[in-house]
Amino acid sequence: MTVRPDERLLDGEPMRPVRCRTCGAGVQARKASWHQTSVQWSAEAMAACLERRAAAPVSGPNGGCFAACEALRASIVQAALDGELPVPDDGEDGP
């Protein structure tokens, strides 16, 4: 059996650096639409994120799972509104 390479990110905009405007954590982000965002966290960003550090550890099968950082989400939206993070024109209205 041949494993097909994951090329989903090749057909659109590349990941771009975005810095949280609250704590300064730097991530790589990409908008596929106004409603879909991909984020890649580095170890440094995870250590810097105030919301991630404040979150209580989750036990169970998804232990250590962190759902989202609202400050980073707002920073990504602002980067898109400022034109720093491209959003493909898919007919959807912005935030």
N, C-alpha and C. Protein backbone atom coordinates (compact mmCIF):
# COMPACT_ATOMS: atom_id res chain seq x y z
N MET A 1 0.84 -1.18 0.00
CA MET A 1 0.00 0.00 0.00
C MET A 1 0.89 1.24 0.00
N THR A 2 0.56 2.20 -0.86
CA THR A 2 1.29 3.44 -0.96
C THR A 2 0.57 4.53 -0.18
N VAL A 3 1.33 5.26 0.62
CA VAL A 3 0.76 6.37 1.38
C VAL A 3 0.89 7.63 0.55
N ARG A 4 -0.23 8.25 0.29
CA ARG A 4 -0.25 9.48 -0.50
C ARG A 4 0.21 10.65 0.36
N PRO A 5 1.11 11.49 -0.14
CA PRO A 5 1.56 12.65 0.65
C PRO A 5 0.42 13.64 0.86
N ASP A 6 0.42 14.28 2.02
CA ASP A 6 -0.59 15.28 2.34
C ASP A 6 -0.19 16.59 1.67
N GLU A 7 -0.92 16.97 0.64
CA GLU A 7 -0.61 18.18 -0.12
C GLU A 7 -1.69 19.24 0.01
N ARG A 8 -2.51 19.13 1.05
CA ARG A 8 -3.62 20.09 1.20
C ARG A 8 -3.16 21.53 1.30
N LEU A 9 -2.02 21.78 1.90
CA LEU A 9 -1.57 23.16 2.06
C LEU A 9 -0.87 23.70 0.82
N LEU A 10 -0.65 22.86 -0.18
CA LEU A 10 0.04 23.30 -1.38
C LEU A 10 -0.87 24.05 -2.35
N ASP A 11 -2.19 23.87 -2.23
CA ASP A 11 -3.10 24.48 -3.19
C ASP A 11 -3.59 25.87 -2.79
N GLY A 12 -3.13 26.37 -1.68
CA GLY A 12 -3.57 27.69 -1.24
C GLY A 12 -2.40 28.50 -0.74
N GLU A 13 -2.72 29.47 0.07
CA GLU A 13 -1.70 30.33 0.66
C GLU A 13 -0.84 29.53 1.63
N PRO A 14 0.44 29.85 1.72
CA PRO A 14 1.29 29.17 2.69
C PRO A 14 1.01 29.66 4.11
N MET A 15 1.48 28.91 5.08
CA MET A 15 1.39 29.34 6.47
C MET A 15 2.24 30.60 6.62
N ARG A 16 1.76 31.51 7.44
CA ARG A 16 2.48 32.78 7.67
C ARG A 16 2.60 33.02 9.17
N PRO A 17 3.64 33.73 9.57
CA PRO A 17 3.80 34.00 11.00
C PRO A 17 2.77 35.02 11.48
N VAL A 18 2.20 34.73 12.64
CA VAL A 18 1.28 35.65 13.32
C VAL A 18 1.69 35.67 14.78
N ARG A 19 1.74 36.86 15.34
CA ARG A 19 2.12 37.00 16.75
C ARG A 19 0.90 37.45 17.54
N CYS A 20 0.67 36.79 18.68
CA CYS A 20 -0.44 37.17 19.57
C CYS A 20 -0.20 38.57 20.08
N ARG A 21 -1.21 39.41 19.99
CA ARG A 21 -1.08 40.80 20.42
C ARG A 21 -1.22 40.96 21.93
N THR A 22 -1.49 39.85 22.62
CA THR A 22 -1.58 39.90 24.08
C THR A 22 -0.30 39.41 24.74
N CYS A 23 0.17 38.22 24.37
CA CYS A 23 1.34 37.64 25.04
C CYS A 23 2.58 37.55 24.16
N GLY A 24 2.42 37.79 22.84
CA GLY A 24 3.57 37.75 21.94
C GLY A 24 3.91 36.37 21.40
N ALA A 25 3.13 35.35 21.73
CA ALA A 25 3.39 34.01 21.21
C ALA A 25 3.33 34.04 19.68
N GLY A 26 4.34 33.49 19.03
CA GLY A 26 4.39 33.47 17.57
C GLY A 26 4.03 32.10 17.02
N VAL A 27 3.02 32.05 16.16
CA VAL A 27 2.57 30.80 15.54
C VAL A 27 2.63 30.95 14.02
N GLN A 28 2.41 29.87 13.32
CA GLN A 28 2.23 29.88 11.88
C GLN A 28 0.73 29.68 11.64
N ALA A 29 0.13 30.50 10.79
CA ALA A 29 -1.31 30.43 10.56
C ALA A 29 -1.63 30.55 9.08
N ARG A 30 -2.78 30.02 8.72
CA ARG A 30 -3.29 30.07 7.35
C ARG A 30 -4.81 30.12 7.41
N LYS A 31 -5.41 31.00 6.63
CA LYS A 31 -6.87 31.08 6.54
C LYS A 31 -7.30 30.42 5.24
N ALA A 32 -8.17 29.42 5.33
CA ALA A 32 -8.76 28.81 4.15
C ALA A 32 -10.07 29.53 3.80
N SER A 33 -10.65 30.20 4.79
CA SER A 33 -11.85 31.01 4.64
C SER A 33 -11.95 31.86 5.91
N TRP A 34 -12.96 32.71 5.98
CA TRP A 34 -13.15 33.49 7.20
C TRP A 34 -13.50 32.58 8.37
N HIS A 35 -14.04 31.39 8.08
CA HIS A 35 -14.49 30.51 9.15
C HIS A 35 -13.54 29.35 9.42
N GLN A 36 -12.46 29.22 8.66
CA GLN A 36 -11.53 28.10 8.85
C GLN A 36 -10.11 28.61 8.92
N THR A 37 -9.43 28.25 10.00
CA THR A 37 -8.05 28.68 10.24
C THR A 37 -7.23 27.47 10.64
N SER A 38 -6.02 27.37 10.08
CA SER A 38 -5.06 26.35 10.50
C SER A 38 -3.96 27.06 11.28
N VAL A 39 -3.57 26.48 12.41
CA VAL A 39 -2.54 27.07 13.26
C VAL A 39 -1.53 26.00 13.63
N GLN A 40 -0.25 26.33 13.51
CA GLN A 40 0.82 25.45 13.97
C GLN A 40 1.54 26.15 15.12
N TRP A 41 1.53 25.48 16.27
CA TRP A 41 2.18 26.01 17.46
C TRP A 41 3.61 25.47 17.55
N SER A 42 4.54 26.31 17.95
CA SER A 42 5.90 25.87 18.27
C SER A 42 5.97 25.68 19.79
N ALA A 43 7.03 25.03 20.24
CA ALA A 43 7.22 24.86 21.69
C ALA A 43 7.33 26.22 22.38
N GLU A 44 7.99 27.17 21.71
CA GLU A 44 8.15 28.51 22.29
C GLU A 44 6.80 29.21 22.42
N ALA A 45 5.95 29.07 21.40
CA ALA A 45 4.63 29.71 21.45
C ALA A 45 3.78 29.09 22.55
N MET A 46 3.84 27.76 22.70
CA MET A 46 3.07 27.10 23.75
C MET A 46 3.51 27.57 25.13
N ALA A 47 4.81 27.79 25.31
CA ALA A 47 5.31 28.25 26.60
C ALA A 47 4.93 29.71 26.87
N ALA A 48 4.82 30.51 25.82
CA ALA A 48 4.53 31.94 25.97
C ALA A 48 3.04 32.23 26.14
N CYS A 49 2.18 31.37 25.66
CA CYS A 49 0.73 31.63 25.65
C CYS A 49 0.17 31.69 27.08
N LEU A 50 -0.36 32.86 27.44
CA LEU A 50 -0.91 33.05 28.78
C LEU A 50 -2.14 32.18 29.03
N GLU A 51 -3.03 32.07 28.04
CA GLU A 51 -4.24 31.28 28.21
C GLU A 51 -3.90 29.79 28.30
N ARG A 52 -2.92 29.35 27.54
CA ARG A 52 -2.52 27.94 27.60
C ARG A 52 -1.94 27.62 28.98
N ARG A 53 -1.11 28.53 29.49
CA ARG A 53 -0.51 28.30 30.82
C ARG A 53 -1.55 28.34 31.92
N ALA A 54 -2.59 29.16 31.76
CA ALA A 54 -3.62 29.29 32.79
C ALA A 54 -4.64 28.15 32.75
N ALA A 55 -4.72 27.43 31.64
CA ALA A 55 -5.70 26.35 31.51
C ALA A 55 -5.34 25.21 32.45
N ALA A 56 -6.35 24.68 33.10
CA ALA A 56 -6.13 23.53 33.99
C ALA A 56 -5.86 22.30 33.14
N PRO A 57 -4.94 21.45 33.55
CA PRO A 57 -4.70 20.22 32.80
C PRO A 57 -5.98 19.39 32.73
N VAL A 58 -6.22 18.80 31.59
CA VAL A 58 -7.41 17.99 31.37
C VAL A 58 -7.00 16.53 31.51
N SER A 59 -7.76 15.77 32.28
CA SER A 59 -7.45 14.35 32.42
C SER A 59 -8.35 13.55 31.49
N GLY A 60 -8.05 12.29 31.32
CA GLY A 60 -8.85 11.43 30.46
C GLY A 60 -8.13 11.14 29.17
N PRO A 61 -8.85 10.57 28.18
CA PRO A 61 -8.20 10.17 26.93
C PRO A 61 -7.63 11.33 26.13
N ASN A 62 -8.16 12.54 26.31
CA ASN A 62 -7.63 13.71 25.61
C ASN A 62 -6.84 14.60 26.57
N GLY A 63 -6.25 13.99 27.58
CA GLY A 63 -5.49 14.75 28.58
C GLY A 63 -4.47 15.66 27.93
N GLY A 64 -4.35 16.86 28.46
CA GLY A 64 -3.41 17.82 27.91
C GLY A 64 -3.95 18.58 26.71
N CYS A 65 -5.18 18.32 26.33
CA CYS A 65 -5.78 18.99 25.17
C CYS A 65 -6.12 20.43 25.53
N PHE A 66 -5.75 21.35 24.63
CA PHE A 66 -6.05 22.76 24.83
C PHE A 66 -6.93 23.19 23.67
N ALA A 67 -8.15 23.60 23.94
CA ALA A 67 -9.13 23.87 22.87
C ALA A 67 -8.75 25.09 22.03
N ALA A 68 -8.49 26.22 22.65
CA ALA A 68 -8.21 27.43 21.87
C ALA A 68 -7.76 28.56 22.76
N CYS A 69 -7.08 29.51 22.17
CA CYS A 69 -6.68 30.74 22.85
C CYS A 69 -7.46 31.87 22.21
N GLU A 70 -8.31 32.50 22.98
CA GLU A 70 -9.14 33.58 22.44
C GLU A 70 -8.31 34.80 22.04
N ALA A 71 -7.24 35.09 22.77
CA ALA A 71 -6.39 36.23 22.42
C ALA A 71 -5.69 35.98 21.08
N LEU A 72 -5.21 34.75 20.87
CA LEU A 72 -4.57 34.43 19.59
C LEU A 72 -5.60 34.45 18.47
N ARG A 73 -6.80 33.93 18.73
CA ARG A 73 -7.85 33.95 17.71
C ARG A 73 -8.13 35.38 17.27
N ALA A 74 -8.25 36.28 18.23
CA ALA A 74 -8.50 37.69 17.91
C ALA A 74 -7.32 38.30 17.14
N SER A 75 -6.11 37.90 17.49
CA SER A 75 -4.93 38.41 16.78
C SER A 75 -4.90 37.92 15.33
N ILE A 76 -5.30 36.68 15.11
CA ILE A 76 -5.35 36.12 13.75
C ILE A 76 -6.42 36.84 12.93
N VAL A 77 -7.59 37.06 13.52
CA VAL A 77 -8.65 37.80 12.82
C VAL A 77 -8.17 39.20 12.47
N GLN A 78 -7.51 39.87 13.40
CA GLN A 78 -7.02 41.23 13.13
C GLN A 78 -5.96 41.21 12.05
N ALA A 79 -5.08 40.20 12.05
CA ALA A 79 -4.06 40.08 11.00
C ALA A 79 -4.72 39.91 9.63
N ALA A 80 -5.82 39.15 9.58
CA ALA A 80 -6.55 38.98 8.33
C ALA A 80 -7.21 40.29 7.90
N LEU A 81 -7.82 40.99 8.84
CA LEU A 81 -8.46 42.27 8.52
C LEU A 81 -7.44 43.31 8.07
N ASP A 82 -6.23 43.25 8.64
CA ASP A 82 -5.17 44.19 8.28
C ASP A 82 -4.46 43.81 6.98
N GLY A 83 -4.81 42.66 6.40
CA GLY A 83 -4.19 42.22 5.16
C GLY A 83 -2.86 41.50 5.36
N GLU A 84 -2.48 41.23 6.60
CA GLU A 84 -1.24 40.52 6.89
C GLU A 84 -1.38 39.02 6.69
N LEU A 85 -2.60 38.51 6.76
CA LEU A 85 -2.88 37.09 6.60
C LEU A 85 -3.98 36.97 5.54
N PRO A 86 -3.62 36.53 4.34
CA PRO A 86 -4.61 36.48 3.26
C PRO A 86 -5.76 35.52 3.57
N VAL A 87 -6.95 35.92 3.12
CA VAL A 87 -8.14 35.07 3.23
C VAL A 87 -8.68 34.88 1.82
N PRO A 88 -8.74 33.63 1.33
CA PRO A 88 -9.26 33.41 -0.02
C PRO A 88 -10.68 33.96 -0.16
N ASP A 89 -10.98 34.52 -1.31
CA ASP A 89 -12.31 35.04 -1.58
C ASP A 89 -13.23 33.87 -1.90
N ASP A 90 -14.04 33.49 -0.92
CA ASP A 90 -14.95 32.36 -1.12
C ASP A 90 -16.41 32.78 -1.05
N GLY A 91 -16.64 34.07 -1.12
CA GLY A 91 -18.01 34.57 -1.09
C GLY A 91 -18.55 34.76 0.31
N GLU A 92 -17.79 34.35 1.33
CA GLU A 92 -18.24 34.51 2.70
C GLU A 92 -17.90 35.90 3.19
N ASP A 93 -18.75 36.44 4.04
CA ASP A 93 -18.46 37.72 4.66
C ASP A 93 -17.45 37.51 5.77
N GLY A 94 -16.69 38.54 6.06
CA GLY A 94 -15.71 38.48 7.14
C GLY A 94 -16.39 38.44 8.49
N PRO A 95 -15.59 38.51 9.55
CA PRO A 95 -16.14 38.39 10.91
C PRO A 95 -17.11 39.48 11.27
